[in-house]
Structure formats: structure tokens, C-alpha cells
Amino acid sequence: SLKSLQLEKAGADDKLTVYYIHCHGKAAGTGRSITVKDSKGQTLKQWKFANAVGEKAGMVISVKELKQLEKKSADNQLTMYYASEELPGGQLLAAL
């Protein structure tokens, strides 16, 4: 239910870990990715993640990379999406 992700107080060396569990299977998806898009829907960056094994379901992204995207796209509202083989259309996670 997170609507906006505030990165101002995060340090450049911090990591953002995203956990996404599919309700139908109560497990992490396969072929997972997180994508940041600008206000026009253009993909700025996509991270791909290995299939989760056991408790290693977290998808880790460098806050430094996210802040760089924000800086380069200062005039745009950025949004973060999750997608997987089970959810190919993607799911909005948060605005940056």
C-alpha cells in the first residue's frame, strides 16, 4: 500500500530491498524484474532478479542508482513497477 517512496533521508550506500509475494501462490514469482519509468511511461532502468530460493526473495536495488535516476529526470514523476512471469503486465509499487 506504499504510494510514494521518499529517498531524501536515505544514504547513497543504502540499499532498497523489495519483497513481493504473489497472493495466488503465496510465494515469490519467477522471472522477476523491477522497472523505473518516467511520466511518459518510458523505461529508464530495469533490474532483473534471479528466482527466489528459500528466504532469499528480496530484490535489492542501490539507493544511489535510484537517486541518480531522480536527478536525471528532475522534471518527471518517476514510478517503480514489479513484473514477473506470473504478473507480466506489471504492478505499480510506488512513485519516487
PDB file of N, CA and C in Angstrom:
ATOM      1  N   SER A   1       0.814  -1.200   0.000  1.00  0.00           N
ATOM      2  CA  SER A   1       0.000   0.000   0.000  1.00  0.00           C
ATOM      3  C   SER A   1       0.859   1.265   0.000  1.00  0.00           C
ATOM      4  N   LEU A   2       2.159   1.109  -0.222  1.00  0.00           N
ATOM      5  CA  LEU A   2       3.056   2.259  -0.288  1.00  0.00           C
ATOM      6  C   LEU A   2       2.742   3.053  -1.546  1.00  0.00           C
ATOM      7  N   LYS A   3       2.521   4.358  -1.397  1.00  0.00           N
ATOM      8  CA  LYS A   3       2.184   5.185  -2.550  1.00  0.00           C
ATOM      9  C   LYS A   3       3.376   5.975  -3.053  1.00  0.00           C
ATOM     10  N   SER A   4       4.235   6.406  -2.129  1.00  0.00           N
ATOM     11  CA  SER A   4       5.375   7.223  -2.503  1.00  0.00           C
ATOM     12  C   SER A   4       6.587   6.812  -1.682  1.00  0.00           C
ATOM     13  N   LEU A   5       7.707   6.685  -2.354  1.00  0.00           N
ATOM     14  CA  LEU A   5       8.940   6.290  -1.708  1.00  0.00           C
ATOM     15  C   LEU A   5       9.831   7.515  -1.581  1.00  0.00           C
ATOM     16  N   GLN A   6      10.120   7.930  -0.353  1.00  0.00           N
ATOM     17  CA  GLN A   6      10.930   9.112  -0.089  1.00  0.00           C
ATOM     18  C   GLN A   6      12.383   8.696   0.098  1.00  0.00           C
ATOM     19  N   LEU A   7      13.268   9.207  -0.740  1.00  0.00           N
ATOM     20  CA  LEU A   7      14.675   8.827  -0.691  1.00  0.00           C
ATOM     21  C   LEU A   7      15.584   9.914  -0.127  1.00  0.00           C
ATOM     22  N   GLU A   8      15.009  11.053   0.249  1.00  0.00           N
ATOM     23  CA  GLU A   8      15.827  12.178   0.708  1.00  0.00           C
ATOM     24  C   GLU A   8      16.723  11.829   1.896  1.00  0.00           C
ATOM     25  N   LYS A   9      16.207  11.052   2.824  1.00  0.00           N
ATOM     26  CA  LYS A   9      16.956  10.738   4.049  1.00  0.00           C
ATOM     27  C   LYS A   9      17.831   9.495   3.904  1.00  0.00           C
ATOM     28  N   ALA A  10      17.707   8.802   2.795  1.00  0.00           N
ATOM     29  CA  ALA A  10      18.499   7.590   2.572  1.00  0.00           C
ATOM     30  C   ALA A  10      19.907   7.967   2.146  1.00  0.00           C
ATOM     31  N   GLY A  11      20.877   7.206   2.630  1.00  0.00           N
ATOM     32  CA  GLY A  11      22.269   7.429   2.260  1.00  0.00           C
ATOM     33  C   GLY A  11      22.569   6.801   0.913  1.00  0.00           C
ATOM     34  N   ALA A  12      23.615   7.310   0.263  1.00  0.00           N
ATOM     35  CA  ALA A  12      23.987   6.815  -1.064  1.00  0.00           C
ATOM     36  C   ALA A  12      24.385   5.342  -1.030  1.00  0.00           C
ATOM     37  N   ASP A  13      24.872   4.862   0.100  1.00  0.00           N
ATOM     38  CA  ASP A  13      25.289   3.459   0.210  1.00  0.00           C
ATOM     39  C   ASP A  13      24.164   2.545   0.680  1.00  0.00           C
ATOM     40  N   ASP A  14      22.987   3.111   0.945  1.00  0.00           N
ATOM     41  CA  ASP A  14      21.854   2.305   1.391  1.00  0.00           C
ATOM     42  C   ASP A  14      21.314   1.458   0.240  1.00  0.00           C
ATOM     43  N   LYS A  15      20.631   0.407   0.604  1.00  0.00           N
ATOM     44  CA  LYS A  15      20.008  -0.491  -0.364  1.00  0.00           C
ATOM     45  C   LYS A  15      18.508  -0.541  -0.095  1.00  0.00           C
ATOM     46  N   LEU A  16      17.734  -0.610  -1.153  1.00  0.00           N
ATOM     47  CA  LEU A  16      16.296  -0.797  -1.061  1.00  0.00           C
ATOM     48  C   LEU A  16      16.027  -2.260  -1.367  1.00  0.00           C
ATOM     49  N   THR A  17      15.352  -2.944  -0.465  1.00  0.00           N
ATOM     50  CA  THR A  17      15.004  -4.342  -0.685  1.00  0.00           C
ATOM     51  C   THR A  17      13.500  -4.447  -0.827  1.00  0.00           C
ATOM     52  N   VAL A  18      13.066  -5.005  -1.961  1.00  0.00           N
ATOM     53  CA  VAL A  18      11.651  -5.159  -2.257  1.00  0.00           C
ATOM     54  C   VAL A  18      11.295  -6.635  -2.144  1.00  0.00           C
ATOM     55  N   TYR A  19      10.253  -6.917  -1.373  1.00  0.00           N
ATOM     56  CA  TYR A  19       9.710  -8.271  -1.254  1.00  0.00           C
ATOM     57  C   TYR A  19       8.328  -8.265  -1.878  1.00  0.00           C
ATOM     58  N   TYR A  20       8.114  -9.126  -2.854  1.00  0.00           N
ATOM     59  CA  TYR A  20       6.806  -9.217  -3.498  1.00  0.00           C
ATOM     60  C   TYR A  20       6.389 -10.681  -3.490  1.00  0.00           C
ATOM     61  N   ILE A  21       5.314 -10.959  -2.803  1.00  0.00           N
ATOM     62  CA  ILE A  21       4.781 -12.312  -2.706  1.00  0.00           C
ATOM     63  C   ILE A  21       3.448 -12.351  -3.438  1.00  0.00           C
ATOM     64  N   HIS A  22       3.299 -13.283  -4.358  1.00  0.00           N
ATOM     65  CA  HIS A  22       2.059 -13.418  -5.108  1.00  0.00           C
ATOM     66  C   HIS A  22       1.004 -14.089  -4.231  1.00  0.00           C
ATOM     67  N   CYS A  23      -0.157 -13.484  -4.169  1.00  0.00           N
ATOM     68  CA  CYS A  23      -1.210 -13.985  -3.285  1.00  0.00           C
ATOM     69  C   CYS A  23      -1.754 -15.340  -3.736  1.00  0.00           C
ATOM     70  N   HIS A  24      -1.777 -15.585  -5.035  1.00  0.00           N
ATOM     71  CA  HIS A  24      -2.349 -16.851  -5.504  1.00  0.00           C
ATOM     72  C   HIS A  24      -1.464 -18.050  -5.158  1.00  0.00           C
ATOM     73  N   GLY A  25      -0.168 -17.861  -5.127  1.00  0.00           N
ATOM     74  CA  GLY A  25       0.733 -18.969  -4.825  1.00  0.00           C
ATOM     75  C   GLY A  25       1.430 -18.804  -3.490  1.00  0.00           C
ATOM     76  N   LYS A  26       1.245 -17.637  -2.880  1.00  0.00           N
ATOM     77  CA  LYS A  26       1.879 -17.299  -1.606  1.00  0.00           C
ATOM     78  C   LYS A  26       3.382 -17.547  -1.653  1.00  0.00           C
ATOM     79  N   ALA A  27       3.968 -17.191  -2.793  1.00  0.00           N
ATOM     80  CA  ALA A  27       5.404 -17.337  -2.987  1.00  0.00           C
ATOM     81  C   ALA A  27       5.890 -16.221  -3.896  1.00  0.00           C
ATOM     82  N   ALA A  28       7.205 -16.063  -3.934  1.00  0.00           N
ATOM     83  CA  ALA A  28       7.798 -15.079  -4.837  1.00  0.00           C
ATOM     84  C   ALA A  28       7.661 -15.578  -6.269  1.00  0.00           C
ATOM     85  N   GLY A  29       7.619 -14.664  -7.204  1.00  0.00           N
ATOM     86  CA  GLY A  29       7.460 -15.014  -8.606  1.00  0.00           C
ATOM     87  C   GLY A  29       8.745 -15.494  -9.252  1.00  0.00           C
ATOM     88  N   THR A  30       8.635 -15.856 -10.511  1.00  0.00           N
ATOM     89  CA  THR A  30       9.786 -16.255 -11.306  1.00  0.00           C
ATOM     90  C   THR A  30       9.986 -15.235 -12.418  1.00  0.00           C
ATOM     91  N   GLY A  31      11.221 -15.109 -12.893  1.00  0.00           N
ATOM     92  CA  GLY A  31      11.496 -14.129 -13.937  1.00  0.00           C
ATOM     93  C   GLY A  31      11.196 -12.720 -13.472  1.00  0.00           C
ATOM     94  N   ARG A  32      11.588 -12.389 -12.262  1.00  0.00           N
ATOM     95  CA  ARG A  32      11.216 -11.111 -11.626  1.00  0.00           C
ATOM     96  C   ARG A  32      12.048  -9.942 -12.133  1.00  0.00           C
ATOM     97  N   SER A  33      11.407  -8.772 -12.164  1.00  0.00           N
ATOM     98  CA  SER A  33      12.112  -7.535 -12.511  1.00  0.00           C
ATOM     99  C   SER A  33      11.438  -6.350 -11.831  1.00  0.00           C
ATOM    100  N   ILE A  34      12.227  -5.299 -11.665  1.00  0.00           N
ATOM    101  CA  ILE A  34      11.715  -4.016 -11.180  1.00  0.00           C
ATOM    102  C   ILE A  34      12.147  -2.984 -12.203  1.00  0.00           C
ATOM    103  N   THR A  35      11.193  -2.137 -12.597  1.00  0.00           N
ATOM    104  CA  THR A  35      11.432  -1.142 -13.626  1.00  0.00           C
ATOM    105  C   THR A  35      11.060   0.235 -13.107  1.00  0.00           C
ATOM    106  N   VAL A  36      11.888   1.232 -13.418  1.00  0.00           N
ATOM    107  CA  VAL A  36      11.565   2.621 -13.119  1.00  0.00           C
ATOM    108  C   VAL A  36      11.226   3.289 -14.440  1.00  0.00           C
ATOM    109  N   LYS A  37      10.050   3.961 -14.454  1.00  0.00           N
ATOM    110  CA  LYS A  37       9.574   4.645 -15.662  1.00  0.00           C
ATOM    111  C   LYS A  37       9.372   6.126 -15.373  1.00  0.00           C
ATOM    112  N   ASP A  38       9.458   6.924 -16.432  1.00  0.00           N
ATOM    113  CA  ASP A  38       9.183   8.350 -16.286  1.00  0.00           C
ATOM    114  C   ASP A  38       7.691   8.613 -16.487  1.00  0.00           C
ATOM    115  N   SER A  39       7.308   9.880 -16.443  1.00  0.00           N
ATOM    116  CA  SER A  39       5.888  10.239 -16.534  1.00  0.00           C
ATOM    117  C   SER A  39       5.285   9.932 -17.901  1.00  0.00           C
ATOM    118  N   LYS A  40       6.107   9.699 -18.916  1.00  0.00           N
ATOM    119  CA  LYS A  40       5.624   9.340 -20.247  1.00  0.00           C
ATOM    120  C   LYS A  40       5.546   7.827 -20.438  1.00  0.00           C
ATOM    121  N   GLY A  41       5.913   7.082 -19.393  1.00  0.00           N
ATOM    122  CA  GLY A  41       5.876   5.629 -19.480  1.00  0.00           C
ATOM    123  C   GLY A  41       7.132   5.014 -20.079  1.00  0.00           C
ATOM    124  N   GLN A  42       8.143   5.830 -20.307  1.00  0.00           N
ATOM    125  CA  GLN A  42       9.401   5.344 -20.857  1.00  0.00           C
ATOM    126  C   GLN A  42      10.226   4.661 -19.761  1.00  0.00           C
ATOM    127  N   THR A  43      10.775   3.506 -20.074  1.00  0.00           N
ATOM    128  CA  THR A  43      11.615   2.789 -19.122  1.00  0.00           C
ATOM    129  C   THR A  43      12.962   3.487 -19.005  1.00  0.00           C
ATOM    130  N   LEU A  44      13.325   3.845 -17.767  1.00  0.00           N
ATOM    131  CA  LEU A  44      14.613   4.474 -17.516  1.00  0.00           C
ATOM    132  C   LEU A  44      15.656   3.455 -17.069  1.00  0.00           C
ATOM    133  N   LYS A  45      15.194   2.465 -16.324  1.00  0.00           N
ATOM    134  CA  LYS A  45      16.115   1.444 -15.806  1.00  0.00           C
ATOM    135  C   LYS A  45      15.303   0.218 -15.433  1.00  0.00           C
ATOM    136  N   GLN A  46      15.878  -0.958 -15.710  1.00  0.00           N
ATOM    137  CA  GLN A  46      15.227  -2.205 -15.301  1.00  0.00           C
ATOM    138  C   GLN A  46      16.272  -3.102 -14.650  1.00  0.00           C
ATOM    139  N   TRP A  47      15.882  -3.670 -13.520  1.00  0.00           N
ATOM    140  CA  TRP A  47      16.710  -4.631 -12.813  1.00  0.00           C
ATOM    141  C   TRP A  47      16.040  -5.991 -12.923  1.00  0.00           C
ATOM    142  N   LYS A  48      16.800  -7.019 -13.252  1.00  0.00           N
ATOM    143  CA  LYS A  48      16.274  -8.383 -13.324  1.00  0.00           C
ATOM    144  C   LYS A  48      16.864  -9.173 -12.169  1.00  0.00           C
ATOM    145  N   PHE A  49      16.043 -10.063 -11.612  1.00  0.00           N
ATOM    146  CA  PHE A  49      16.444 -10.807 -10.424  1.00  0.00           C
ATOM    147  C   PHE A  49      16.275 -12.301 -10.620  1.00  0.00           C
ATOM    148  N   ALA A  50      17.161 -13.038  -9.997  1.00  0.00           N
ATOM    149  CA  ALA A  50      17.086 -14.499 -10.043  1.00  0.00           C
ATOM    150  C   ALA A  50      15.822 -14.954  -9.329  1.00  0.00           C
ATOM    151  N   ASN A  51      15.369 -16.139  -9.672  1.00  0.00           N
ATOM    152  CA  ASN A  51      14.219 -16.714  -8.986  1.00  0.00           C
ATOM    153  C   ASN A  51      14.559 -16.895  -7.516  1.00  0.00           C
ATOM    154  N   ALA A  52      13.599 -16.641  -6.669  1.00  0.00           N
ATOM    155  CA  ALA A  52      13.812 -16.742  -5.226  1.00  0.00           C
ATOM    156  C   ALA A  52      14.015 -18.195  -4.820  1.00  0.00           C
ATOM    157  N   VAL A  53      14.958 -18.375  -3.909  1.00  0.00           N
ATOM    158  CA  VAL A  53      15.223 -19.698  -3.351  1.00  0.00           C
ATOM    159  C   VAL A  53      15.108 -19.572  -1.837  1.00  0.00           C
ATOM    160  N   GLY A  54      14.183 -20.298  -1.246  1.00  0.00           N
ATOM    161  CA  GLY A  54      14.004 -20.228   0.205  1.00  0.00           C
ATOM    162  C   GLY A  54      13.605 -18.840   0.647  1.00  0.00           C
ATOM    163  N   GLU A  55      14.356 -18.296   1.580  1.00  0.00           N
ATOM    164  CA  GLU A  55      14.044 -16.976   2.132  1.00  0.00           C
ATOM    165  C   GLU A  55      14.695 -15.841   1.353  1.00  0.00           C
ATOM    166  N   LYS A  56      15.384 -16.133   0.283  1.00  0.00           N
ATOM    167  CA  LYS A  56      16.070 -15.100  -0.496  1.00  0.00           C
ATOM    168  C   LYS A  56      15.150 -14.509  -1.554  1.00  0.00           C
ATOM    169  N   ALA A  57      14.006 -14.025  -1.101  1.00  0.00           N
ATOM    170  CA  ALA A  57      13.012 -13.482  -2.018  1.00  0.00           C
ATOM    171  C   ALA A  57      13.181 -11.986  -2.252  1.00  0.00           C
ATOM    172  N   GLY A  58      14.066 -11.335  -1.493  1.00  0.00           N
ATOM    173  CA  GLY A  58      14.240  -9.893  -1.606  1.00  0.00           C
ATOM    174  C   GLY A  58      14.967  -9.495  -2.879  1.00  0.00           C
ATOM    175  N   MET A  59      14.513  -8.404  -3.483  1.00  0.00           N
ATOM    176  CA  MET A  59      15.148  -7.837  -4.672  1.00  0.00           C
ATOM    177  C   MET A  59      15.833  -6.552  -4.234  1.00  0.00           C
ATOM    178  N   VAL A  60      17.146  -6.502  -4.331  1.00  0.00           N
ATOM    179  CA  VAL A  60      17.938  -5.410  -3.777  1.00  0.00           C
ATOM    180  C   VAL A  60      18.370  -4.451  -4.882  1.00  0.00           C
ATOM    181  N   ILE A  61      18.107  -3.159  -4.634  1.00  0.00           N
ATOM    182  CA  ILE A  61      18.476  -2.087  -5.562  1.00  0.00           C
ATOM    183  C   ILE A  61      19.263  -1.040  -4.775  1.00  0.00           C
ATOM    184  N   SER A  62      20.289  -0.510  -5.380  1.00  0.00           N
ATOM    185  CA  SER A  62      21.090   0.540  -4.767  1.00  0.00           C
ATOM    186  C   SER A  62      20.304   1.862  -4.743  1.00  0.00           C
ATOM    187  N   VAL A  63      20.245   2.487  -3.586  1.00  0.00           N
ATOM    188  CA  VAL A  63      19.585   3.790  -3.462  1.00  0.00           C
ATOM    189  C   VAL A  63      20.326   4.819  -4.313  1.00  0.00           C
ATOM    190  N   LYS A  64      21.631   4.657  -4.425  1.00  0.00           N
ATOM    191  CA  LYS A  64      22.428   5.576  -5.242  1.00  0.00           C
ATOM    192  C   LYS A  64      21.926   5.589  -6.689  1.00  0.00           C
ATOM    193  N   GLU A  65      21.612   4.428  -7.246  1.00  0.00           N
ATOM    194  CA  GLU A  65      21.086   4.350  -8.609  1.00  0.00           C
ATOM    195  C   GLU A  65      19.732   5.051  -8.725  1.00  0.00           C
ATOM    196  N   LEU A  66      18.883   4.849  -7.724  1.00  0.00           N
ATOM    197  CA  LEU A  66      17.561   5.494  -7.739  1.00  0.00           C
ATOM    198  C   LEU A  66      17.689   7.010  -7.662  1.00  0.00           C
ATOM    199  N   LYS A  67      18.587   7.487  -6.811  1.00  0.00           N
ATOM    200  CA  LYS A  67      18.791   8.934  -6.685  1.00  0.00           C
ATOM    201  C   LYS A  67      19.347   9.520  -7.983  1.00  0.00           C
ATOM    202  N   GLN A  68      20.216   8.777  -8.666  1.00  0.00           N
ATOM    203  CA  GLN A  68      20.743   9.251  -9.947  1.00  0.00           C
ATOM    204  C   GLN A  68      19.629   9.369 -10.981  1.00  0.00           C
ATOM    205  N   LEU A  69      18.720   8.401 -10.995  1.00  0.00           N
ATOM    206  CA  LEU A  69      17.581   8.473 -11.912  1.00  0.00           C
ATOM    207  C   LEU A  69      16.709   9.680 -11.597  1.00  0.00           C
ATOM    208  N   GLU A  70      16.470   9.930 -10.308  1.00  0.00           N
ATOM    209  CA  GLU A  70      15.670  11.096  -9.910  1.00  0.00           C
ATOM    210  C   GLU A  70      16.338  12.390 -10.371  1.00  0.00           C
ATOM    211  N   LYS A  71      17.643  12.466 -10.197  1.00  0.00           N
ATOM    212  CA  LYS A  71      18.380  13.675 -10.561  1.00  0.00           C
ATOM    213  C   LYS A  71      18.329  13.921 -12.070  1.00  0.00           C
ATOM    214  N   LYS A  72      18.514  12.864 -12.862  1.00  0.00           N
ATOM    215  CA  LYS A  72      18.488  12.993 -14.317  1.00  0.00           C
ATOM    216  C   LYS A  72      17.093  13.336 -14.832  1.00  0.00           C
ATOM    217  N   SER A  73      16.078  12.972 -14.078  1.00  0.00           N
ATOM    218  CA  SER A  73      14.691  13.171 -14.515  1.00  0.00           C
ATOM    219  C   SER A  73      13.951  14.100 -13.575  1.00  0.00           C
ATOM    220  N   ALA A  74      14.576  15.180 -13.216  1.00  0.00           N
ATOM    221  CA  ALA A  74      14.009  16.096 -12.220  1.00  0.00           C
ATOM    222  C   ALA A  74      12.640  16.639 -12.622  1.00  0.00           C
ATOM    223  N   ASP A  75      12.372  16.735 -13.921  1.00  0.00           N
ATOM    224  CA  ASP A  75      11.097  17.290 -14.393  1.00  0.00           C
ATOM    225  C   ASP A  75      10.002  16.246 -14.504  1.00  0.00           C
ATOM    226  N   ASN A  76      10.331  14.992 -14.250  1.00  0.00           N
ATOM    227  CA  ASN A  76       9.377  13.892 -14.422  1.00  0.00           C
ATOM    228  C   ASN A  76       9.017  13.243 -13.092  1.00  0.00           C
ATOM    229  N   GLN A  77       7.810  12.748 -13.021  1.00  0.00           N
ATOM    230  CA  GLN A  77       7.400  11.894 -11.901  1.00  0.00           C
ATOM    231  C   GLN A  77       7.843  10.481 -12.253  1.00  0.00           C
ATOM    232  N   LEU A  78       8.645   9.877 -11.410  1.00  0.00           N
ATOM    233  CA  LEU A  78       9.116   8.519 -11.653  1.00  0.00           C
ATOM    234  C   LEU A  78       8.263   7.524 -10.887  1.00  0.00           C
ATOM    235  N   THR A  79       8.047   6.376 -11.503  1.00  0.00           N
ATOM    236  CA  THR A  79       7.290   5.315 -10.854  1.00  0.00           C
ATOM    237  C   THR A  79       8.062   4.006 -10.954  1.00  0.00           C
ATOM    238  N   MET A  80       7.836   3.160  -9.960  1.00  0.00           N
ATOM    239  CA  MET A  80       8.525   1.873  -9.875  1.00  0.00           C
ATOM    240  C   MET A  80       7.509   0.754 -10.009  1.00  0.00           C
ATOM    241  N   TYR A  81       7.800  -0.204 -10.899  1.00  0.00           N
ATOM    242  CA  TYR A  81       6.906  -1.319 -11.182  1.00  0.00           C
ATOM    243  C   TYR A  81       7.604  -2.652 -10.941  1.00  0.00           C
ATOM    244  N   TYR A  82       6.819  -3.618 -10.506  1.00  0.00           N
ATOM    245  CA  TYR A  82       7.274  -5.000 -10.365  1.00  0.00           C
ATOM    246  C   TYR A  82       6.614  -5.809 -11.475  1.00  0.00           C
ATOM    247  N   ALA A  83       7.357  -6.755 -12.051  1.00  0.00           N
ATOM    248  CA  ALA A  83       6.781  -7.682 -13.031  1.00  0.00           C
ATOM    249  C   ALA A  83       7.445  -9.045 -12.849  1.00  0.00           C
ATOM    250  N   SER A  84       6.738 -10.076 -13.289  1.00  0.00           N
ATOM    251  CA  SER A  84       7.264 -11.443 -13.230  1.00  0.00           C
ATOM    252  C   SER A  84       6.539 -12.269 -14.281  1.00  0.00           C
ATOM    253  N   GLU A  85       6.926 -13.525 -14.412  1.00  0.00           N
ATOM    254  CA  GLU A  85       6.218 -14.404 -15.341  1.00  0.00           C
ATOM    255  C   GLU A  85       4.761 -14.560 -14.932  1.00  0.00           C
ATOM    256  N   GLU A  86       4.495 -14.531 -13.631  1.00  0.00           N
ATOM    257  CA  GLU A  86       3.129 -14.663 -13.120  1.00  0.00           C
ATOM    258  C   GLU A  86       2.337 -13.361 -13.255  1.00  0.00           C
ATOM    259  N   LEU A  87       3.030 -12.243 -13.404  1.00  0.00           N
ATOM    260  CA  LEU A  87       2.402 -10.923 -13.498  1.00  0.00           C
ATOM    261  C   LEU A  87       3.088 -10.125 -14.614  1.00  0.00           C
ATOM    262  N   PRO A  88       2.959 -10.573 -15.854  1.00  0.00           N
ATOM    263  CA  PRO A  88       3.711  -9.936 -16.957  1.00  0.00           C
ATOM    264  C   PRO A  88       3.315  -8.491 -17.226  1.00  0.00           C
ATOM    265  N   GLY A  89       2.097  -8.112 -16.895  1.00  0.00           N
ATOM    266  CA  GLY A  89       1.656  -6.735 -17.106  1.00  0.00           C
ATOM    267  C   GLY A  89       2.233  -5.762 -16.108  1.00  0.00           C
ATOM    268  N   GLY A  90       2.781  -6.277 -15.035  1.00  0.00           N
ATOM    269  CA  GLY A  90       3.399  -5.428 -14.021  1.00  0.00           C
ATOM    270  C   GLY A  90       2.415  -4.901 -12.989  1.00  0.00           C
ATOM    271  N   GLN A  91       2.979  -4.438 -11.887  1.00  0.00           N
ATOM    272  CA  GLN A  91       2.215  -3.887 -10.768  1.00  0.00           C
ATOM    273  C   GLN A  91       2.944  -2.644 -10.273  1.00  0.00           C
ATOM    274  N   LEU A  92       2.233  -1.528 -10.203  1.00  0.00           N
ATOM    275  CA  LEU A  92       2.818  -0.302  -9.667  1.00  0.00           C
ATOM    276  C   LEU A  92       3.167  -0.522  -8.198  1.00  0.00           C
ATOM    277  N   LEU A  93       4.409  -0.209  -7.842  1.00  0.00           N
ATOM    278  CA  LEU A  93       4.826  -0.326  -6.444  1.00  0.00           C
ATOM    279  C   LEU A  93       4.758   1.020  -5.733  1.00  0.00           C
ATOM    280  N   ALA A  94       5.364   2.051  -6.344  1.00  0.00           N
ATOM    281  CA  ALA A  94       5.419   3.365  -5.692  1.00  0.00           C
ATOM    282  C   ALA A  94       5.901   4.421  -6.673  1.00  0.00           C
ATOM    283  N   ALA A  95       5.620   5.661  -6.322  1.00  0.00           N
ATOM    284  CA  ALA A  95       6.192   6.814  -7.023  1.00  0.00           C
ATOM    285  C   ALA A  95       7.468   7.187  -6.285  1.00  0.00           C
ATOM    286  N   LEU A  96       8.421   7.727  -7.029  1.00  0.00           N
ATOM    287  CA  LEU A  96       9.679   8.171  -6.403  1.00  0.00           C
ATOM    288  C   LEU A  96       9.680   9.676  -6.307  1.00  0.00           C
TER     289      LEU A  96
END
